[in-house]
Amino acid sequence: MAIHNYRRAIARDAEFFRVNNNLSNALKEAGKVHETIDCCHCVCDWDNQEEMFIKVEGILRREIEVSFIPSVQPLQATAYPLDSMFSLDISRKHAEYFSVIAACYSFSPFTHPPPLLIKSPIQVSYLGFPGTTGATYIDYLVTDKFVSPMKYAHFYSKKLVHLPHCYFVNDYKQENCDVLYPYCQPKRSDYGLPEDKFLFTCFNQLCKMDPEIVRI
């Protein structure tokens, strides 16, 4: 159903980046590798990239000027060649927007509760998003010195708390233990890939793949 709806949206606007990106993810999960690759051709179209990013930044600045929620999410802003302080402004606008949405549904405001109602009125962000949320109601971000260097602390709306090595906790040996056994490992030929070539892979969103990353 998701793949069908994404294709209907693309039929209306073939260059709708976010829909193409979502469709490629859905096709990948469905095991349709070749269709996924074809879909990525549109997402990774870098013609006139610099000109397009200038246009995108102009649109975003106008949206912020008129107090409209930016069409680029905080996560995407970190992947775009935008000024870091401008990315922080984008995050703040999104935080303000969700505060308004919470108020519309009679949820408690996104602020610190009165001290009498909670012993430690401190809110901490961890794992989900290592960038700035722009939210004044979150006090600390648990991260590490590689993901969030202290010299860039002024680009964050929260105080940084560095773990000694890496902030990301992961144990692939349990969730994907099958890859540890030679007889379970997939073959390149199963996906039409060459056996004697080095493969560059990216398991992030496609918006993070750009010419600079490919050159690396």
C-alpha atoms as a PDB file:
ATOM      1  CA  MET A   1       0.000   0.000   0.000  1.00  0.00           C
ATOM      2  CA  ALA A   2       2.829   2.420   0.891  1.00  0.00           C
ATOM      3  CA  ILE A   3       4.647   1.755  -2.393  1.00  0.00           C
ATOM      4  CA  HIS A   4       1.398   2.257  -4.330  1.00  0.00           C
ATOM      5  CA  ASN A   5       0.693   5.603  -2.631  1.00  0.00           C
ATOM      6  CA  TYR A   6       4.256   6.854  -3.090  1.00  0.00           C
ATOM      7  CA  ARG A   7       4.056   6.084  -6.806  1.00  0.00           C
ATOM      8  CA  ARG A   8       0.761   7.974  -7.046  1.00  0.00           C
ATOM      9  CA  ALA A   9       2.416  11.007  -5.438  1.00  0.00           C
ATOM     10  CA  ILE A  10       5.387  10.787  -7.831  1.00  0.00           C
ATOM     11  CA  ALA A  11       2.976  10.641 -10.779  1.00  0.00           C
ATOM     12  CA  ARG A  12       1.891  14.142  -9.769  1.00  0.00           C
ATOM     13  CA  ASP A  13       5.392  15.477  -9.121  1.00  0.00           C
ATOM     14  CA  ALA A  14       8.241  13.322 -10.441  1.00  0.00           C
ATOM     15  CA  GLU A  15      10.879  15.468  -8.721  1.00  0.00           C
ATOM     16  CA  PHE A  16       9.353  15.358  -5.238  1.00  0.00           C
ATOM     17  CA  PHE A  17      12.547  14.436  -3.372  1.00  0.00           C
ATOM     18  CA  ARG A  18      11.030  13.239  -0.111  1.00  0.00           C
ATOM     19  CA  VAL A  19       8.553  10.919  -1.814  1.00  0.00           C
ATOM     20  CA  ASN A  20      11.282   9.430  -4.009  1.00  0.00           C
ATOM     21  CA  ASN A  21      13.417   8.893  -0.919  1.00  0.00           C
ATOM     22  CA  ASN A  22      10.546   7.202   0.954  1.00  0.00           C
ATOM     23  CA  LEU A  23       9.712   5.058  -2.072  1.00  0.00           C
ATOM     24  CA  SER A  24      13.308   3.873  -2.356  1.00  0.00           C
ATOM     25  CA  ASN A  25      13.271   2.880   1.338  1.00  0.00           C
ATOM     26  CA  ALA A  26       9.985   1.007   0.916  1.00  0.00           C
ATOM     27  CA  LEU A  27      11.275  -0.828  -2.164  1.00  0.00           C
ATOM     28  CA  LYS A  28      14.470  -1.728  -0.326  1.00  0.00           C
ATOM     29  CA  GLU A  29      12.484  -3.198   2.586  1.00  0.00           C
ATOM     30  CA  ALA A  30      10.423  -5.185   0.082  1.00  0.00           C
ATOM     31  CA  GLY A  31      13.597  -6.682  -1.382  1.00  0.00           C
ATOM     32  CA  LYS A  32      13.158  -4.995  -4.764  1.00  0.00           C
ATOM     33  CA  VAL A  33      16.797  -4.039  -5.209  1.00  0.00           C
ATOM     34  CA  HIS A  34      16.781  -3.067  -8.888  1.00  0.00           C
ATOM     35  CA  GLU A  35      13.694  -0.880  -8.506  1.00  0.00           C
ATOM     36  CA  THR A  36      15.349   0.757  -5.498  1.00  0.00           C
ATOM     37  CA  ILE A  37      18.417   1.635  -7.578  1.00  0.00           C
ATOM     38  CA  ASP A  38      16.261   3.100 -10.350  1.00  0.00           C
ATOM     39  CA  CYS A  39      14.431   5.235  -7.802  1.00  0.00           C
ATOM     40  CA  CYS A  40      17.724   6.490  -6.368  1.00  0.00           C
ATOM     41  CA  HIS A  41      18.710   7.920  -9.750  1.00  0.00           C
ATOM     42  CA  CYS A  42      16.155  10.675  -9.211  1.00  0.00           C
ATOM     43  CA  VAL A  43      17.048  11.287  -5.568  1.00  0.00           C
ATOM     44  CA  CYS A  44      20.751  11.565  -6.355  1.00  0.00           C
ATOM     45  CA  ASP A  45      20.401  13.970  -9.260  1.00  0.00           C
ATOM     46  CA  TRP A  46      23.102  16.567  -8.536  1.00  0.00           C
ATOM     47  CA  ASP A  47      22.759  18.735 -11.637  1.00  0.00           C
ATOM     48  CA  ASN A  48      22.923  22.422 -10.684  1.00  0.00           C
ATOM     49  CA  GLN A  49      23.358  21.393  -7.052  1.00  0.00           C
ATOM     50  CA  GLU A  50      24.854  24.687  -5.854  1.00  0.00           C
ATOM     51  CA  GLU A  51      22.155  26.720  -7.593  1.00  0.00           C
ATOM     52  CA  MET A  52      19.427  24.534  -6.138  1.00  0.00           C
ATOM     53  CA  PHE A  53      20.751  24.836  -2.573  1.00  0.00           C
ATOM     54  CA  ILE A  54      20.857  28.631  -2.906  1.00  0.00           C
ATOM     55  CA  LYS A  55      17.217  28.486  -3.974  1.00  0.00           C
ATOM     56  CA  VAL A  56      16.323  26.193  -1.058  1.00  0.00           C
ATOM     57  CA  GLU A  57      18.047  28.465   1.459  1.00  0.00           C
ATOM     58  CA  GLY A  58      16.134  31.465   0.103  1.00  0.00           C
ATOM     59  CA  ILE A  59      12.837  29.632   0.508  1.00  0.00           C
ATOM     60  CA  LEU A  60      13.711  28.609   4.069  1.00  0.00           C
ATOM     61  CA  ARG A  61      14.689  32.126   5.099  1.00  0.00           C
ATOM     62  CA  ARG A  62      11.420  33.517   3.754  1.00  0.00           C
ATOM     63  CA  GLU A  63       9.486  30.829   5.628  1.00  0.00           C
ATOM     64  CA  ILE A  64      11.202  31.772   8.890  1.00  0.00           C
ATOM     65  CA  GLU A  65      10.660  35.494   8.284  1.00  0.00           C
ATOM     66  CA  VAL A  66       6.898  34.979   8.020  1.00  0.00           C
ATOM     67  CA  SER A  67       6.886  32.573  11.005  1.00  0.00           C
ATOM     68  CA  PHE A  68       6.024  29.601   8.795  1.00  0.00           C
ATOM     69  CA  ILE A  69       7.329  26.167   9.787  1.00  0.00           C
ATOM     70  CA  PRO A  70      10.422  25.458   7.631  1.00  0.00           C
ATOM     71  CA  SER A  71       9.882  22.844   4.936  1.00  0.00           C
ATOM     72  CA  VAL A  72      13.239  21.288   5.858  1.00  0.00           C
ATOM     73  CA  GLN A  73      13.390  19.298   9.081  1.00  0.00           C
ATOM     74  CA  PRO A  74      16.233  19.763  11.622  1.00  0.00           C
ATOM     75  CA  LEU A  75      17.745  16.411  10.643  1.00  0.00           C
ATOM     76  CA  GLN A  76      17.847  17.396   6.974  1.00  0.00           C
ATOM     77  CA  ALA A  77      19.245  20.833   7.794  1.00  0.00           C
ATOM     78  CA  THR A  78      22.368  19.212   9.237  1.00  0.00           C
ATOM     79  CA  ALA A  79      22.963  17.411   5.924  1.00  0.00           C
ATOM     80  CA  TYR A  80      22.506  20.513   3.760  1.00  0.00           C
ATOM     81  CA  PRO A  81      25.277  23.095   3.168  1.00  0.00           C
ATOM     82  CA  LEU A  82      23.571  25.653   5.412  1.00  0.00           C
ATOM     83  CA  ASP A  83      25.089  28.027   7.933  1.00  0.00           C
ATOM     84  CA  SER A  84      25.136  26.316  11.342  1.00  0.00           C
ATOM     85  CA  MET A  85      23.371  29.187  13.091  1.00  0.00           C
ATOM     86  CA  PHE A  86      20.694  29.117  10.398  1.00  0.00           C
ATOM     87  CA  SER A  87      20.261  25.371  11.012  1.00  0.00           C
ATOM     88  CA  LEU A  88      19.752  26.208  14.681  1.00  0.00           C
ATOM     89  CA  ASP A  89      17.039  28.720  13.699  1.00  0.00           C
ATOM     90  CA  ILE A  90      15.303  25.984  11.698  1.00  0.00           C
ATOM     91  CA  SER A  91      15.367  23.669  14.722  1.00  0.00           C
ATOM     92  CA  ARG A  92      13.965  26.402  16.973  1.00  0.00           C
ATOM     93  CA  LYS A  93      11.071  27.044  14.593  1.00  0.00           C
ATOM     94  CA  HIS A  94      10.168  23.354  14.595  1.00  0.00           C
ATOM     95  CA  ALA A  95      10.344  23.256  18.402  1.00  0.00           C
ATOM     96  CA  GLU A  96       8.017  26.276  18.621  1.00  0.00           C
ATOM     97  CA  TYR A  97       5.624  24.671  16.148  1.00  0.00           C
ATOM     98  CA  PHE A  98       5.294  21.450  18.152  1.00  0.00           C
ATOM     99  CA  SER A  99       4.723  23.459  21.312  1.00  0.00           C
ATOM    100  CA  VAL A 100       1.749  25.083  19.584  1.00  0.00           C
ATOM    101  CA  ILE A 101       0.457  21.697  18.384  1.00  0.00           C
ATOM    102  CA  ALA A 102       0.672  20.340  21.932  1.00  0.00           C
ATOM    103  CA  ALA A 103      -1.321  23.306  23.226  1.00  0.00           C
ATOM    104  CA  CYS A 104      -4.027  22.756  20.567  1.00  0.00           C
ATOM    105  CA  TYR A 105      -4.590  19.231  21.862  1.00  0.00           C
ATOM    106  CA  SER A 106      -4.540  20.356  25.492  1.00  0.00           C
ATOM    107  CA  PHE A 107      -1.264  18.599  26.185  1.00  0.00           C
ATOM    108  CA  SER A 108       0.953  20.012  28.872  1.00  0.00           C
ATOM    109  CA  PRO A 109       3.236  22.790  27.574  1.00  0.00           C
ATOM    110  CA  PHE A 110       6.777  21.723  26.680  1.00  0.00           C
ATOM    111  CA  THR A 111       8.298  23.467  29.663  1.00  0.00           C
ATOM    112  CA  HIS A 112       9.831  22.394  32.935  1.00  0.00           C
ATOM    113  CA  PRO A 113       7.207  21.163  35.440  1.00  0.00           C
ATOM    114  CA  PRO A 114       6.971  23.025  38.751  1.00  0.00           C
ATOM    115  CA  PRO A 115       9.728  21.834  41.130  1.00  0.00           C
ATOM    116  CA  LEU A 116       7.156  20.500  43.595  1.00  0.00           C
ATOM    117  CA  LEU A 117       5.807  18.007  41.065  1.00  0.00           C
ATOM    118  CA  ILE A 118       9.100  16.383  40.173  1.00  0.00           C
ATOM    119  CA  LYS A 119      12.279  15.902  42.135  1.00  0.00           C
ATOM    120  CA  SER A 120      14.652  16.560  39.263  1.00  0.00           C
ATOM    121  CA  PRO A 121      13.156  18.869  36.599  1.00  0.00           C
ATOM    122  CA  ILE A 122      15.855  18.168  34.009  1.00  0.00           C
ATOM    123  CA  GLN A 123      15.222  16.921  30.492  1.00  0.00           C
ATOM    124  CA  VAL A 124      17.910  15.103  28.520  1.00  0.00           C
ATOM    125  CA  SER A 125      18.044  14.168  24.833  1.00  0.00           C
ATOM    126  CA  TYR A 126      19.835  10.947  23.915  1.00  0.00           C
ATOM    127  CA  LEU A 127      20.283   8.681  20.863  1.00  0.00           C
ATOM    128  CA  GLY A 128      17.365   9.692  18.605  1.00  0.00           C
ATOM    129  CA  PHE A 129      18.896  12.833  17.083  1.00  0.00           C
ATOM    130  CA  PRO A 130      22.482  13.966  17.833  1.00  0.00           C
ATOM    131  CA  GLY A 131      21.955  17.466  16.405  1.00  0.00           C
ATOM    132  CA  THR A 132      20.335  20.478  18.015  1.00  0.00           C
ATOM    133  CA  THR A 133      16.579  20.391  18.550  1.00  0.00           C
ATOM    134  CA  GLY A 134      16.325  24.134  19.108  1.00  0.00           C
ATOM    135  CA  ALA A 135      14.140  23.382  22.118  1.00  0.00           C
ATOM    136  CA  THR A 136      14.600  25.545  25.205  1.00  0.00           C
ATOM    137  CA  TYR A 137      12.868  22.919  27.348  1.00  0.00           C
ATOM    138  CA  ILE A 138      15.639  20.323  26.892  1.00  0.00           C
ATOM    139  CA  ASP A 139      18.657  20.932  29.098  1.00  0.00           C
ATOM    140  CA  TYR A 140      21.296  18.459  27.955  1.00  0.00           C
ATOM    141  CA  LEU A 141      22.316  16.376  24.944  1.00  0.00           C
ATOM    142  CA  VAL A 142      24.218  13.152  25.605  1.00  0.00           C
ATOM    143  CA  THR A 143      26.715  12.777  22.775  1.00  0.00           C
ATOM    144  CA  ASP A 144      30.474  12.421  22.221  1.00  0.00           C
ATOM    145  CA  LYS A 145      33.394  14.571  21.135  1.00  0.00           C
ATOM    146  CA  PHE A 146      33.359  13.243  17.572  1.00  0.00           C
ATOM    147  CA  VAL A 147      29.659  13.766  16.824  1.00  0.00           C
ATOM    148  CA  SER A 148      29.376  17.054  18.725  1.00  0.00           C
ATOM    149  CA  PRO A 149      32.791  18.715  19.216  1.00  0.00           C
ATOM    150  CA  MET A 150      32.844  21.191  22.079  1.00  0.00           C
ATOM    151  CA  LYS A 151      34.084  23.939  19.755  1.00  0.00           C
ATOM    152  CA  TYR A 152      30.651  23.827  18.093  1.00  0.00           C
ATOM    153  CA  ALA A 153      28.707  23.934  21.361  1.00  0.00           C
ATOM    154  CA  HIS A 154      27.336  27.402  20.542  1.00  0.00           C
ATOM    155  CA  PHE A 155      25.385  25.874  17.651  1.00  0.00           C
ATOM    156  CA  TYR A 156      23.337  23.788  20.112  1.00  0.00           C
ATOM    157  CA  SER A 157      20.368  24.900  22.178  1.00  0.00           C
ATOM    158  CA  LYS A 158      21.340  22.358  24.863  1.00  0.00           C
ATOM    159  CA  LYS A 159      24.437  21.793  26.971  1.00  0.00           C
ATOM    160  CA  LEU A 160      26.628  18.960  25.707  1.00  0.00           C
ATOM    161  CA  VAL A 161      27.431  15.926  27.850  1.00  0.00           C
ATOM    162  CA  HIS A 162      30.210  13.835  26.301  1.00  0.00           C
ATOM    163  CA  LEU A 163      30.467  10.103  26.863  1.00  0.00           C
ATOM    164  CA  PRO A 164      34.109   8.913  26.962  1.00  0.00           C
ATOM    165  CA  HIS A 165      34.179   6.944  23.690  1.00  0.00           C
ATOM    166  CA  CYS A 166      31.009   6.789  21.588  1.00  0.00           C
ATOM    167  CA  TYR A 167      27.480   7.925  22.406  1.00  0.00           C
ATOM    168  CA  PHE A 168      25.829   5.286  20.200  1.00  0.00           C
ATOM    169  CA  VAL A 169      24.990   2.020  21.941  1.00  0.00           C
ATOM    170  CA  ASN A 170      24.679  -0.901  19.560  1.00  0.00           C
ATOM    171  CA  ASP A 171      24.970  -4.680  19.689  1.00  0.00           C
ATOM    172  CA  TYR A 172      24.675  -6.149  16.206  1.00  0.00           C
ATOM    173  CA  LYS A 173      25.866  -9.543  17.486  1.00  0.00           C
ATOM    174  CA  GLN A 174      22.439 -10.218  18.989  1.00  0.00           C
ATOM    175  CA  GLU A 175      20.050  -8.578  16.536  1.00  0.00           C
ATOM    176  CA  ASN A 176      21.889  -9.670  13.371  1.00  0.00           C
ATOM    177  CA  CYS A 177      23.840 -12.658  14.634  1.00  0.00           C
ATOM    178  CA  ASP A 178      23.212 -14.486  11.345  1.00  0.00           C
ATOM    179  CA  VAL A 179      25.821 -12.345   9.571  1.00  0.00           C
ATOM    180  CA  LEU A 180      28.508 -13.837  11.801  1.00  0.00           C
ATOM    181  CA  TYR A 181      28.051 -17.299  10.302  1.00  0.00           C
ATOM    182  CA  PRO A 182      29.750 -17.858   6.909  1.00  0.00           C
ATOM    183  CA  TYR A 183      26.971 -20.101   5.579  1.00  0.00           C
ATOM    184  CA  CYS A 184      24.366 -17.366   6.178  1.00  0.00           C
ATOM    185  CA  GLN A 185      26.181 -14.475   4.551  1.00  0.00           C
ATOM    186  CA  PRO A 186      24.558 -13.187   1.343  1.00  0.00           C
ATOM    187  CA  LYS A 187      26.538 -13.346  -1.888  1.00  0.00           C
ATOM    188  CA  ARG A 188      27.238 -10.371  -4.116  1.00  0.00           C
ATOM    189  CA  SER A 189      25.960 -12.323  -7.061  1.00  0.00           C
ATOM    190  CA  ASP A 190      22.542 -12.466  -5.379  1.00  0.00           C
ATOM    191  CA  TYR A 191      22.260  -8.723  -6.046  1.00  0.00           C
ATOM    192  CA  GLY A 192      24.065  -8.490  -9.366  1.00  0.00           C
ATOM    193  CA  LEU A 193      27.183  -6.976  -7.783  1.00  0.00           C
ATOM    194  CA  PRO A 194      30.777  -7.632  -8.947  1.00  0.00           C
ATOM    195  CA  GLU A 195      32.902  -9.925  -6.799  1.00  0.00           C
ATOM    196  CA  ASP A 196      36.209  -8.143  -7.438  1.00  0.00           C
ATOM    197  CA  LYS A 197      35.210  -4.495  -6.824  1.00  0.00           C
ATOM    198  CA  PHE A 198      35.214  -2.332  -3.704  1.00  0.00           C
ATOM    199  CA  LEU A 199      31.663  -1.362  -2.760  1.00  0.00           C
ATOM    200  CA  PHE A 200      30.836   2.002  -1.240  1.00  0.00           C
ATOM    201  CA  THR A 201      27.692   1.785   0.860  1.00  0.00           C
ATOM    202  CA  CYS A 202      25.638   4.206   2.923  1.00  0.00           C
ATOM    203  CA  PHE A 203      22.973   3.032   5.349  1.00  0.00           C
ATOM    204  CA  ASN A 204      21.685   6.518   6.065  1.00  0.00           C
ATOM    205  CA  GLN A 205      19.061   8.609   4.320  1.00  0.00           C
ATOM    206  CA  LEU A 206      19.876   9.308   0.697  1.00  0.00           C
ATOM    207  CA  CYS A 207      19.950  13.064   1.325  1.00  0.00           C
ATOM    208  CA  LYS A 208      23.301  12.488   3.031  1.00  0.00           C
ATOM    209  CA  MET A 209      24.822  11.140  -0.190  1.00  0.00           C
ATOM    210  CA  ASP A 210      26.210  13.986  -2.270  1.00  0.00           C
ATOM    211  CA  PRO A 211      29.131  14.504  -4.688  1.00  0.00           C
ATOM    212  CA  GLU A 212      31.526  15.324  -1.840  1.00  0.00           C
ATOM    213  CA  ILE A 213      30.798  12.016  -0.079  1.00  0.00           C
ATOM    214  CA  VAL A 214      31.142  10.109  -3.348  1.00  0.00           C
ATOM    215  CA  ARG A 215      34.522  11.753  -4.016  1.00  0.00           C
ATOM    216  CA  ILE A 216      35.717  10.596  -0.596  1.00  0.00           C
END
